[in-house]
């Protein structure tokens, strides 16, 4: 995928293609697999946010004309009882003004789908993730951070 020379970030088209591909793969695998609650123990633990759209923290998200958003930190905790809690911290940086800190927190339940997919049903939305070893990738819309979905990658 092409990268912007000025920021090192993926371009908007590359992000959209990656998200569309991820969504298509998740839809196909979800349709072909039944729920498997026995696999939950494989993903239990506390994960730390390591990047947003493949950009290391602090990650700068798509910005409006009036501000930039920098994602600073995040955690995803998955418990053996099938519950989860996610928190993402950021700062909104208005042009010419001091940064304003913010955060998004969500709790809900986790369901294993197939061999490597997870469905998170939370307070605000239902979203899907893919886990590989000690990493978890989730595509989620955080309206406070970006007006489009971002891909968060957590590591245990």
Protein backbone atom coordinates (compact mmCIF):
# COMPACT_ATOMS: atom_id res chain seq x y z
CA UNK A 1 0.00 0.00 0.00
CA UNK A 2 1.20 3.49 -0.78
CA UNK A 3 2.44 5.64 2.07
CA UNK A 4 2.42 9.40 2.25
CA UNK A 5 5.97 10.78 2.18
CA UNK A 6 5.20 13.69 4.47
CA UNK A 7 3.69 11.80 7.42
CA UNK A 8 4.49 8.14 6.89
CA UNK A 9 0.76 7.39 7.20
CA UNK A 10 -1.25 5.28 4.83
CA UNK A 11 -3.22 7.36 2.37
CA UNK A 12 -7.04 7.55 2.68
CA UNK A 13 -7.63 5.25 -0.30
CA UNK A 14 -5.23 2.61 1.05
CA UNK A 15 -6.99 2.72 4.45
CA UNK A 16 -10.39 2.31 2.79
CA UNK A 17 -9.17 -0.64 0.72
CA UNK A 18 -7.66 -2.32 3.80
CA UNK A 19 -10.85 -1.81 5.82
CA UNK A 20 -13.05 -3.09 2.99
CA UNK A 21 -10.84 -6.17 2.62
CA UNK A 22 -10.93 -6.83 6.37
CA UNK A 23 -14.73 -6.43 6.43
CA UNK A 24 -15.16 -8.81 3.47
CA UNK A 25 -12.92 -11.46 5.04
CA UNK A 26 -14.74 -11.17 8.36
CA UNK A 27 -18.14 -11.44 6.66
CA UNK A 28 -17.10 -14.55 4.73
CA UNK A 29 -15.59 -16.30 7.72
CA UNK A 30 -18.50 -15.35 9.99
CA UNK A 31 -21.01 -16.78 7.52
CA UNK A 32 -19.08 -20.05 7.29
CA UNK A 33 -18.37 -20.57 11.02
CA UNK A 34 -20.55 -21.14 14.05
CA UNK A 35 -19.97 -19.58 17.46
CA UNK A 36 -17.32 -21.38 19.51
CA UNK A 37 -17.44 -20.27 23.16
CA UNK A 38 -14.80 -22.86 24.15
CA UNK A 39 -12.05 -20.82 22.43
CA UNK A 40 -12.49 -17.80 24.72
CA UNK A 41 -9.62 -18.85 27.00
CA UNK A 42 -7.19 -18.32 24.11
CA UNK A 43 -7.84 -14.57 24.08
CA UNK A 44 -8.38 -13.78 27.78
CA UNK A 45 -6.00 -11.12 29.07
CA UNK A 46 -5.11 -7.45 29.00
CA UNK A 47 -4.03 -5.95 25.68
CA UNK A 48 -2.26 -2.63 25.14
CA UNK A 49 -2.94 -0.46 22.10
CA UNK A 50 0.20 -0.36 19.94
CA UNK A 51 -0.95 1.32 16.72
CA UNK A 52 -3.82 2.94 14.82
CA UNK A 53 -4.10 2.19 11.10
CA UNK A 54 -0.55 0.73 11.30
CA UNK A 55 0.88 4.01 12.68
CA UNK A 56 2.62 3.68 16.09
CA UNK A 57 1.40 5.71 19.05
CA UNK A 58 0.95 8.57 19.38
CA UNK A 59 -0.97 8.10 16.13
CA UNK A 60 -2.42 11.00 14.22
CA UNK A 61 -5.84 10.27 12.71
CA UNK A 62 -7.54 11.87 9.72
CA UNK A 63 -7.98 15.46 10.72
CA UNK A 64 -10.54 18.11 10.06
CA UNK A 65 -9.56 21.57 8.87
CA UNK A 66 -9.88 22.91 12.41
CA UNK A 67 -8.06 20.23 14.44
CA UNK A 68 -5.90 17.11 14.57
CA UNK A 69 -6.52 14.10 16.80
CA UNK A 70 -3.63 12.17 18.35
CA UNK A 71 -4.41 8.78 19.86
CA UNK A 72 -2.15 8.43 22.92
CA UNK A 73 -2.99 5.09 24.59
CA UNK A 74 -5.54 2.35 24.97
CA UNK A 75 -6.30 -0.95 26.67
CA UNK A 76 -8.56 -3.89 25.91
CA UNK A 77 -9.27 -6.30 28.75
CA UNK A 78 -11.02 -9.62 28.03
CA UNK A 79 -12.19 -11.63 31.05
CA UNK A 80 -12.83 -15.41 31.33
CA UNK A 81 -16.57 -14.77 31.84
CA UNK A 82 -16.82 -13.37 28.29
CA UNK A 83 -16.89 -9.68 29.20
CA UNK A 84 -14.56 -6.97 27.91
CA UNK A 85 -13.64 -3.37 28.65
CA UNK A 86 -11.92 -1.07 26.16
CA UNK A 87 -10.55 2.42 26.73
CA UNK A 88 -8.86 4.65 24.14
CA UNK A 89 -7.25 7.95 25.16
CA UNK A 90 -6.51 10.79 22.76
CA UNK A 91 -6.01 14.51 22.57
CA UNK A 92 -7.79 16.88 20.25
CA UNK A 93 -5.41 19.58 19.03
CA UNK A 94 -7.30 22.59 17.65
CA UNK A 95 -5.24 24.68 15.23
CA UNK A 96 -3.40 27.34 17.23
CA UNK A 97 -4.82 26.26 20.61
CA UNK A 98 -3.83 23.97 23.49
CA UNK A 99 -4.56 20.23 23.25
CA UNK A 100 -7.79 18.97 24.84
CA UNK A 101 -7.59 15.44 26.33
CA UNK A 102 -10.40 12.93 25.83
CA UNK A 103 -11.20 9.24 26.04
CA UNK A 104 -13.70 6.60 24.93
CA UNK A 105 -14.64 3.67 27.16
CA UNK A 106 -16.86 0.74 26.37
CA UNK A 107 -17.87 -2.52 28.05
CA UNK A 108 -19.73 -5.53 26.71
CA UNK A 109 -19.51 -9.21 25.87
CA UNK A 110 -17.14 -11.19 23.64
CA UNK A 111 -18.04 -14.15 21.42
CA UNK A 112 -15.55 -16.29 19.49
CA UNK A 113 -16.51 -16.74 15.84
CA UNK A 114 -14.66 -19.47 13.99
CA UNK A 115 -10.93 -19.87 14.57
CA UNK A 116 -9.61 -16.31 14.68
CA UNK A 117 -12.53 -13.88 14.78
CA UNK A 118 -14.14 -12.22 17.77
CA UNK A 119 -17.45 -10.35 18.01
CA UNK A 120 -17.59 -7.54 20.58
CA UNK A 121 -21.12 -6.45 21.57
CA UNK A 122 -20.77 -3.24 23.53
CA UNK A 123 -22.67 -0.28 24.88
CA UNK A 124 -22.37 1.70 21.65
CA UNK A 125 -21.91 -0.80 18.83
CA UNK A 126 -21.13 -4.34 17.72
CA UNK A 127 -17.75 -4.73 16.04
CA UNK A 128 -15.51 -7.56 14.94
CA UNK A 129 -11.85 -8.30 15.52
CA UNK A 130 -9.23 -10.75 14.35
CA UNK A 131 -6.74 -12.31 16.78
CA UNK A 132 -3.37 -13.81 15.90
CA UNK A 133 -1.24 -15.11 18.76
CA UNK A 134 -0.85 -12.23 21.19
CA UNK A 135 -2.27 -9.53 18.87
CA UNK A 136 -5.85 -8.38 18.32
CA UNK A 137 -6.94 -6.14 15.40
CA UNK A 138 -10.31 -4.42 15.51
CA UNK A 139 -11.96 -2.05 13.08
CA UNK A 140 -14.09 0.34 15.11
CA UNK A 141 -15.74 3.72 14.67
CA UNK A 142 -14.74 6.15 17.42
CA UNK A 143 -16.59 9.35 16.48
CA UNK A 144 -14.44 11.36 18.87
CA UNK A 145 -11.27 10.31 17.06
CA UNK A 146 -12.23 10.15 13.39
CA UNK A 147 -15.31 10.38 11.17
CA UNK A 148 -14.34 7.04 9.59
CA UNK A 149 -13.57 3.67 11.17
CA UNK A 150 -10.02 3.17 12.40
CA UNK A 151 -8.15 -0.10 12.79
CA UNK A 152 -6.78 -0.52 16.30
CA UNK A 153 -4.08 -3.12 16.99
CA UNK A 154 -3.62 -4.33 20.55
CA UNK A 155 -0.92 -6.67 21.89
CA UNK A 156 -1.01 -8.81 25.03
